[in-house]
N, C-alpha and C. Protein backbone atom coordinates (compact mmCIF):
# COMPACT_ATOMS: atom_id res chain seq x y z
N UNK A 1 59.61 -116.48 -50.59
CA UNK A 1 58.90 -117.70 -50.95
C UNK A 1 59.58 -118.90 -50.29
N UNK A 2 58.77 -119.81 -49.90
CA UNK A 2 59.26 -121.03 -49.30
C UNK A 2 59.71 -121.99 -50.39
N UNK A 3 60.62 -122.89 -50.07
CA UNK A 3 61.09 -123.84 -51.07
C UNK A 3 60.01 -124.84 -51.44
N UNK A 4 58.98 -124.96 -50.59
CA UNK A 4 57.89 -125.89 -50.89
C UNK A 4 56.88 -125.28 -51.86
N UNK A 5 56.97 -123.99 -52.12
CA UNK A 5 56.03 -123.32 -53.00
C UNK A 5 56.35 -123.67 -54.44
N UNK A 6 55.30 -123.88 -55.21
CA UNK A 6 55.45 -124.24 -56.61
C UNK A 6 54.92 -123.10 -57.46
N UNK A 7 55.72 -122.62 -58.40
CA UNK A 7 55.32 -121.52 -59.26
C UNK A 7 55.13 -122.02 -60.68
N UNK A 8 54.06 -121.58 -61.30
CA UNK A 8 53.89 -121.74 -62.74
C UNK A 8 53.73 -120.34 -63.30
N UNK A 9 53.43 -120.25 -64.58
CA UNK A 9 53.35 -118.93 -65.21
C UNK A 9 52.23 -118.07 -64.64
N UNK A 10 51.08 -118.66 -64.35
CA UNK A 10 49.96 -117.86 -63.90
C UNK A 10 49.42 -118.28 -62.54
N UNK A 11 50.09 -119.20 -61.86
CA UNK A 11 49.57 -119.73 -60.59
C UNK A 11 50.72 -120.02 -59.62
N UNK A 12 50.48 -119.71 -58.35
CA UNK A 12 51.45 -120.00 -57.29
C UNK A 12 50.76 -120.91 -56.29
N UNK A 13 51.38 -122.03 -55.97
CA UNK A 13 50.84 -122.96 -54.99
C UNK A 13 51.64 -122.84 -53.70
N UNK A 14 50.93 -122.59 -52.59
CA UNK A 14 51.57 -122.43 -51.29
C UNK A 14 51.17 -123.62 -50.42
N UNK A 15 52.16 -124.35 -49.92
CA UNK A 15 51.91 -125.46 -49.01
C UNK A 15 51.95 -124.92 -47.58
N UNK A 16 50.81 -124.94 -46.89
CA UNK A 16 50.69 -124.33 -45.57
C UNK A 16 51.02 -125.29 -44.44
N UNK A 17 51.37 -126.51 -44.73
CA UNK A 17 51.62 -127.51 -43.69
C UNK A 17 52.78 -127.10 -42.80
N UNK A 18 52.51 -126.92 -41.51
CA UNK A 18 53.54 -126.59 -40.54
C UNK A 18 54.01 -125.15 -40.56
N UNK A 19 53.42 -124.31 -41.39
CA UNK A 19 53.83 -122.91 -41.47
C UNK A 19 52.88 -122.04 -40.65
N UNK A 20 53.31 -120.85 -40.32
CA UNK A 20 52.53 -119.93 -39.51
C UNK A 20 51.34 -119.39 -40.31
N UNK A 21 50.20 -119.26 -39.64
CA UNK A 21 48.95 -118.83 -40.28
C UNK A 21 49.11 -117.45 -40.93
N UNK A 22 49.62 -116.50 -40.19
CA UNK A 22 49.75 -115.14 -40.70
C UNK A 22 50.75 -115.00 -41.82
N UNK A 23 51.83 -115.77 -41.75
CA UNK A 23 52.85 -115.69 -42.81
C UNK A 23 52.30 -116.20 -44.14
N UNK A 24 51.52 -117.28 -44.07
CA UNK A 24 50.93 -117.83 -45.30
C UNK A 24 49.91 -116.85 -45.87
N UNK A 25 49.07 -116.27 -45.01
CA UNK A 25 48.07 -115.32 -45.47
C UNK A 25 48.71 -114.08 -46.07
N UNK A 26 49.77 -113.59 -45.46
CA UNK A 26 50.47 -112.42 -45.99
C UNK A 26 51.10 -112.71 -47.34
N UNK A 27 51.71 -113.87 -47.47
CA UNK A 27 52.32 -114.26 -48.74
C UNK A 27 51.26 -114.37 -49.84
N UNK A 28 50.11 -114.93 -49.49
CA UNK A 28 49.02 -115.07 -50.47
C UNK A 28 48.51 -113.70 -50.91
N UNK A 29 48.29 -112.80 -49.96
CA UNK A 29 47.79 -111.46 -50.29
C UNK A 29 48.79 -110.69 -51.15
N UNK A 30 50.05 -110.80 -50.81
CA UNK A 30 51.10 -110.10 -51.56
C UNK A 30 51.19 -110.62 -52.99
N UNK A 31 51.08 -111.93 -53.16
CA UNK A 31 51.16 -112.53 -54.49
C UNK A 31 49.92 -112.20 -55.31
N UNK A 32 48.74 -112.23 -54.68
CA UNK A 32 47.50 -111.87 -55.39
C UNK A 32 47.57 -110.44 -55.90
N UNK A 33 48.07 -109.57 -55.08
CA UNK A 33 48.13 -108.15 -55.42
C UNK A 33 49.22 -107.89 -56.47
N UNK A 34 50.27 -108.71 -56.49
CA UNK A 34 51.35 -108.52 -57.45
C UNK A 34 52.45 -107.62 -56.93
N UNK A 35 52.49 -107.41 -55.61
CA UNK A 35 53.48 -106.51 -55.02
C UNK A 35 54.90 -107.06 -55.13
N UNK A 36 55.04 -108.36 -55.37
CA UNK A 36 56.37 -108.95 -55.45
C UNK A 36 56.92 -108.94 -56.88
N UNK A 37 56.21 -108.34 -57.81
CA UNK A 37 56.73 -108.27 -59.17
C UNK A 37 57.25 -106.85 -59.45
N UNK A 38 58.26 -106.71 -60.28
CA UNK A 38 58.87 -105.40 -60.51
C UNK A 38 57.98 -104.44 -61.30
N UNK A 39 57.00 -104.95 -62.03
CA UNK A 39 56.13 -104.07 -62.82
C UNK A 39 54.78 -103.85 -62.15
N UNK A 40 54.77 -103.73 -60.82
CA UNK A 40 53.55 -103.56 -60.04
C UNK A 40 52.89 -102.21 -60.32
N UNK A 41 51.58 -102.26 -60.56
CA UNK A 41 50.76 -101.07 -60.71
C UNK A 41 49.56 -101.27 -59.79
N UNK A 42 49.27 -100.28 -58.94
CA UNK A 42 48.27 -100.50 -57.90
C UNK A 42 46.83 -100.50 -58.39
N UNK A 43 46.55 -100.02 -59.60
CA UNK A 43 45.18 -99.97 -60.06
C UNK A 43 44.84 -101.08 -61.04
N UNK A 44 45.68 -102.09 -61.15
CA UNK A 44 45.43 -103.23 -62.03
C UNK A 44 45.70 -104.54 -61.31
N UNK A 45 45.13 -105.61 -61.83
CA UNK A 45 45.41 -106.93 -61.29
C UNK A 45 46.69 -107.43 -61.96
N UNK A 46 47.78 -107.36 -61.22
CA UNK A 46 49.08 -107.73 -61.77
C UNK A 46 49.53 -109.09 -61.25
N UNK A 47 48.93 -109.55 -60.16
CA UNK A 47 49.39 -110.76 -59.49
C UNK A 47 48.95 -112.03 -60.18
N UNK A 48 49.36 -113.12 -59.58
CA UNK A 48 49.03 -114.44 -60.10
C UNK A 48 47.93 -115.06 -59.26
N UNK A 49 47.36 -116.15 -59.76
CA UNK A 49 46.39 -116.91 -58.98
C UNK A 49 47.14 -117.64 -57.87
N UNK A 50 46.50 -117.79 -56.72
CA UNK A 50 47.13 -118.42 -55.57
C UNK A 50 46.30 -119.60 -55.12
N UNK A 51 46.97 -120.74 -54.90
CA UNK A 51 46.34 -121.94 -54.37
C UNK A 51 47.03 -122.26 -53.06
N UNK A 52 46.25 -122.33 -51.97
CA UNK A 52 46.79 -122.70 -50.66
C UNK A 52 46.38 -124.14 -50.38
N UNK A 53 47.37 -124.99 -50.20
CA UNK A 53 47.11 -126.41 -49.91
C UNK A 53 47.40 -126.71 -48.44
N UNK A 54 46.77 -127.74 -47.90
CA UNK A 54 46.94 -128.19 -46.51
C UNK A 54 46.63 -127.07 -45.52
N UNK A 55 45.53 -126.37 -45.74
CA UNK A 55 45.17 -125.25 -44.88
C UNK A 55 44.85 -125.71 -43.46
N UNK A 56 44.33 -126.91 -43.31
CA UNK A 56 43.94 -127.38 -41.98
C UNK A 56 45.15 -127.76 -41.12
N UNK A 57 46.31 -127.95 -41.73
CA UNK A 57 47.50 -128.32 -40.95
C UNK A 57 48.43 -127.13 -40.72
N UNK A 58 47.86 -125.93 -40.77
CA UNK A 58 48.64 -124.72 -40.53
C UNK A 58 48.90 -124.59 -39.03
N UNK A 59 49.96 -123.88 -38.68
CA UNK A 59 50.35 -123.70 -37.28
C UNK A 59 49.91 -122.32 -36.83
N UNK A 60 49.11 -122.28 -35.75
CA UNK A 60 48.70 -121.02 -35.16
C UNK A 60 49.63 -120.79 -33.98
N UNK A 61 50.48 -119.76 -34.07
CA UNK A 61 51.63 -119.64 -33.19
C UNK A 61 51.29 -119.25 -31.77
N UNK A 62 50.41 -118.29 -31.59
CA UNK A 62 50.12 -117.83 -30.23
C UNK A 62 49.19 -118.82 -29.53
N UNK A 63 49.45 -119.05 -28.27
CA UNK A 63 48.69 -120.06 -27.52
C UNK A 63 47.21 -119.71 -27.43
N UNK A 64 46.89 -118.46 -27.17
CA UNK A 64 45.51 -118.07 -26.96
C UNK A 64 44.86 -117.43 -28.18
N UNK A 65 45.51 -117.49 -29.34
CA UNK A 65 44.98 -116.84 -30.54
C UNK A 65 43.61 -117.40 -30.92
N UNK A 66 43.40 -118.70 -30.78
CA UNK A 66 42.14 -119.29 -31.18
C UNK A 66 40.98 -118.83 -30.30
N UNK A 67 41.28 -118.43 -29.07
CA UNK A 67 40.24 -117.98 -28.15
C UNK A 67 40.09 -116.46 -28.17
N UNK A 68 41.20 -115.75 -28.29
CA UNK A 68 41.17 -114.29 -28.19
C UNK A 68 40.81 -113.59 -29.51
N UNK A 69 41.07 -114.21 -30.64
CA UNK A 69 40.74 -113.61 -31.93
C UNK A 69 39.24 -113.73 -32.13
N UNK A 70 38.55 -112.58 -32.24
CA UNK A 70 37.09 -112.56 -32.34
C UNK A 70 36.68 -111.87 -33.63
N UNK A 71 35.81 -112.52 -34.40
CA UNK A 71 35.23 -111.93 -35.59
C UNK A 71 33.86 -111.39 -35.20
N UNK A 72 33.60 -110.12 -35.52
CA UNK A 72 32.37 -109.44 -35.10
C UNK A 72 31.55 -109.06 -36.33
N UNK A 73 30.24 -109.34 -36.27
CA UNK A 73 29.29 -108.91 -37.30
C UNK A 73 28.20 -108.12 -36.60
N UNK A 74 27.65 -107.15 -37.29
CA UNK A 74 26.54 -106.39 -36.72
C UNK A 74 25.49 -106.20 -37.80
N UNK A 75 24.25 -106.58 -37.49
CA UNK A 75 23.17 -106.54 -38.48
C UNK A 75 22.60 -105.14 -38.66
N UNK A 76 22.81 -104.25 -37.71
CA UNK A 76 22.24 -102.92 -37.79
C UNK A 76 21.03 -102.75 -36.90
N UNK A 77 20.54 -103.84 -36.35
CA UNK A 77 19.40 -103.80 -35.44
C UNK A 77 19.87 -103.86 -33.99
N UNK A 78 19.07 -103.36 -33.06
CA UNK A 78 19.44 -103.47 -31.65
C UNK A 78 19.58 -104.93 -31.24
N UNK A 79 20.68 -105.26 -30.61
CA UNK A 79 20.94 -106.64 -30.22
C UNK A 79 21.42 -107.52 -31.36
N UNK A 80 21.79 -106.91 -32.48
CA UNK A 80 22.19 -107.68 -33.65
C UNK A 80 23.68 -107.92 -33.77
N UNK A 81 24.42 -107.73 -32.69
CA UNK A 81 25.86 -107.95 -32.71
C UNK A 81 26.14 -109.43 -32.49
N UNK A 82 26.93 -110.03 -33.39
CA UNK A 82 27.28 -111.45 -33.28
C UNK A 82 28.79 -111.57 -33.25
N UNK A 83 29.28 -112.34 -32.30
CA UNK A 83 30.72 -112.56 -32.17
C UNK A 83 31.02 -114.04 -32.32
N UNK A 84 32.18 -114.32 -32.91
CA UNK A 84 32.61 -115.70 -33.10
C UNK A 84 34.13 -115.75 -32.98
N UNK A 85 34.63 -116.70 -32.20
CA UNK A 85 36.07 -116.83 -32.03
C UNK A 85 36.66 -117.60 -33.21
N UNK A 86 37.98 -117.51 -33.34
CA UNK A 86 38.68 -118.22 -34.41
C UNK A 86 38.48 -119.73 -34.28
N UNK A 87 38.49 -120.22 -33.07
CA UNK A 87 38.32 -121.66 -32.83
C UNK A 87 36.96 -122.14 -33.33
N UNK A 88 35.90 -121.38 -33.01
CA UNK A 88 34.55 -121.77 -33.45
C UNK A 88 34.39 -121.63 -34.95
N UNK A 89 35.05 -120.62 -35.54
CA UNK A 89 35.00 -120.44 -36.99
C UNK A 89 35.64 -121.63 -37.70
N UNK A 90 36.78 -122.08 -37.20
CA UNK A 90 37.47 -123.22 -37.81
C UNK A 90 36.65 -124.50 -37.63
N UNK A 91 36.01 -124.66 -36.48
CA UNK A 91 35.16 -125.84 -36.27
C UNK A 91 33.96 -125.82 -37.19
N UNK A 92 33.37 -124.64 -37.38
CA UNK A 92 32.13 -124.52 -38.14
C UNK A 92 32.37 -124.52 -39.65
N UNK A 93 33.35 -123.74 -40.13
CA UNK A 93 33.55 -123.56 -41.56
C UNK A 93 34.88 -124.13 -42.08
N UNK A 94 35.83 -124.44 -41.20
CA UNK A 94 37.12 -124.96 -41.63
C UNK A 94 38.17 -123.87 -41.68
N UNK A 95 39.43 -124.30 -41.78
CA UNK A 95 40.54 -123.36 -41.79
C UNK A 95 40.56 -122.51 -43.06
N UNK A 96 39.95 -123.00 -44.12
CA UNK A 96 39.90 -122.24 -45.36
C UNK A 96 39.18 -120.92 -45.21
N UNK A 97 38.10 -120.91 -44.43
CA UNK A 97 37.35 -119.67 -44.21
C UNK A 97 38.17 -118.68 -43.40
N UNK A 98 38.95 -119.17 -42.45
CA UNK A 98 39.82 -118.28 -41.68
C UNK A 98 40.87 -117.64 -42.59
N UNK A 99 41.44 -118.42 -43.51
CA UNK A 99 42.39 -117.87 -44.48
C UNK A 99 41.71 -116.85 -45.38
N UNK A 100 40.51 -117.17 -45.83
CA UNK A 100 39.78 -116.28 -46.71
C UNK A 100 39.56 -114.92 -46.04
N UNK A 101 39.16 -114.94 -44.77
CA UNK A 101 38.92 -113.68 -44.05
C UNK A 101 40.21 -112.92 -43.79
N UNK A 102 41.29 -113.64 -43.52
CA UNK A 102 42.57 -112.98 -43.27
C UNK A 102 43.09 -112.30 -44.53
N UNK A 103 43.04 -113.00 -45.66
CA UNK A 103 43.52 -112.43 -46.92
C UNK A 103 42.61 -111.28 -47.35
N UNK A 104 41.32 -111.42 -47.16
CA UNK A 104 40.35 -110.38 -47.50
C UNK A 104 40.67 -109.08 -46.77
N UNK A 105 41.04 -109.18 -45.52
CA UNK A 105 41.38 -108.00 -44.74
C UNK A 105 42.69 -107.37 -45.14
N UNK A 106 43.55 -108.11 -45.81
CA UNK A 106 44.85 -107.59 -46.22
C UNK A 106 44.82 -106.92 -47.60
N UNK A 107 43.73 -107.11 -48.33
CA UNK A 107 43.62 -106.53 -49.66
C UNK A 107 42.98 -105.14 -49.56
N UNK A 108 43.23 -104.27 -50.56
CA UNK A 108 42.68 -102.92 -50.50
C UNK A 108 41.16 -102.92 -50.64
N UNK A 109 40.53 -101.97 -49.97
CA UNK A 109 39.07 -101.88 -49.99
C UNK A 109 38.63 -101.05 -51.19
N UNK A 110 38.64 -101.69 -52.37
CA UNK A 110 38.20 -101.03 -53.59
C UNK A 110 37.58 -102.06 -54.53
N UNK A 111 37.33 -101.68 -55.77
CA UNK A 111 36.64 -102.57 -56.71
C UNK A 111 37.48 -103.79 -57.11
N UNK A 112 38.77 -103.75 -56.86
CA UNK A 112 39.62 -104.88 -57.22
C UNK A 112 39.53 -106.04 -56.22
N UNK A 113 39.12 -105.76 -54.98
CA UNK A 113 39.14 -106.79 -53.95
C UNK A 113 38.31 -108.02 -54.31
N UNK A 114 37.07 -107.91 -54.76
CA UNK A 114 36.33 -109.12 -55.13
C UNK A 114 36.98 -109.90 -56.29
N UNK A 115 37.55 -109.18 -57.23
CA UNK A 115 38.22 -109.84 -58.36
C UNK A 115 39.47 -110.58 -57.90
N UNK A 116 40.20 -109.97 -56.96
CA UNK A 116 41.39 -110.63 -56.43
C UNK A 116 41.01 -111.86 -55.60
N UNK A 117 39.92 -111.76 -54.85
CA UNK A 117 39.49 -112.90 -54.03
C UNK A 117 39.04 -114.08 -54.89
N UNK A 118 38.54 -113.81 -56.09
CA UNK A 118 38.16 -114.90 -57.00
C UNK A 118 39.38 -115.66 -57.49
N UNK A 119 40.56 -115.08 -57.39
CA UNK A 119 41.79 -115.73 -57.83
C UNK A 119 42.45 -116.55 -56.73
N UNK A 120 41.80 -116.63 -55.56
CA UNK A 120 42.33 -117.38 -54.42
C UNK A 120 41.57 -118.68 -54.26
N UNK A 121 42.28 -119.80 -54.22
CA UNK A 121 41.68 -121.11 -53.99
C UNK A 121 42.34 -121.73 -52.77
N UNK A 122 41.53 -122.30 -51.89
CA UNK A 122 42.04 -122.87 -50.66
C UNK A 122 41.55 -124.31 -50.54
N UNK A 123 42.48 -125.22 -50.27
CA UNK A 123 42.15 -126.63 -50.09
C UNK A 123 42.57 -127.07 -48.70
N UNK A 124 41.71 -127.80 -48.03
CA UNK A 124 41.99 -128.28 -46.68
C UNK A 124 43.05 -129.36 -46.78
């Protein structure tokens, strides 16, 4: 945990200003899941609520990450493949959506994932 992080009994606030994008997302996913607590059980929600502040002032470390990172959707129809770069996603939806997608991909693909995502709040 960073010294700028504020902990309460049921909520952890992460200040993303000047920190690496992936490190903040990893810390958020780990705290949501509860992996950093000694009484971790993988089939229950053990973690705390997470609030990420100053998401728009996060540091993206790699020079070409905003251009090379591509989010792909496919509708299932011929020609239905849609691609969007990280740069365009941030312009269109903000840095909060990029954090949301990063943390979503780090959580397990089971019935707990939507419940864990409801415990994540992101502020620009």
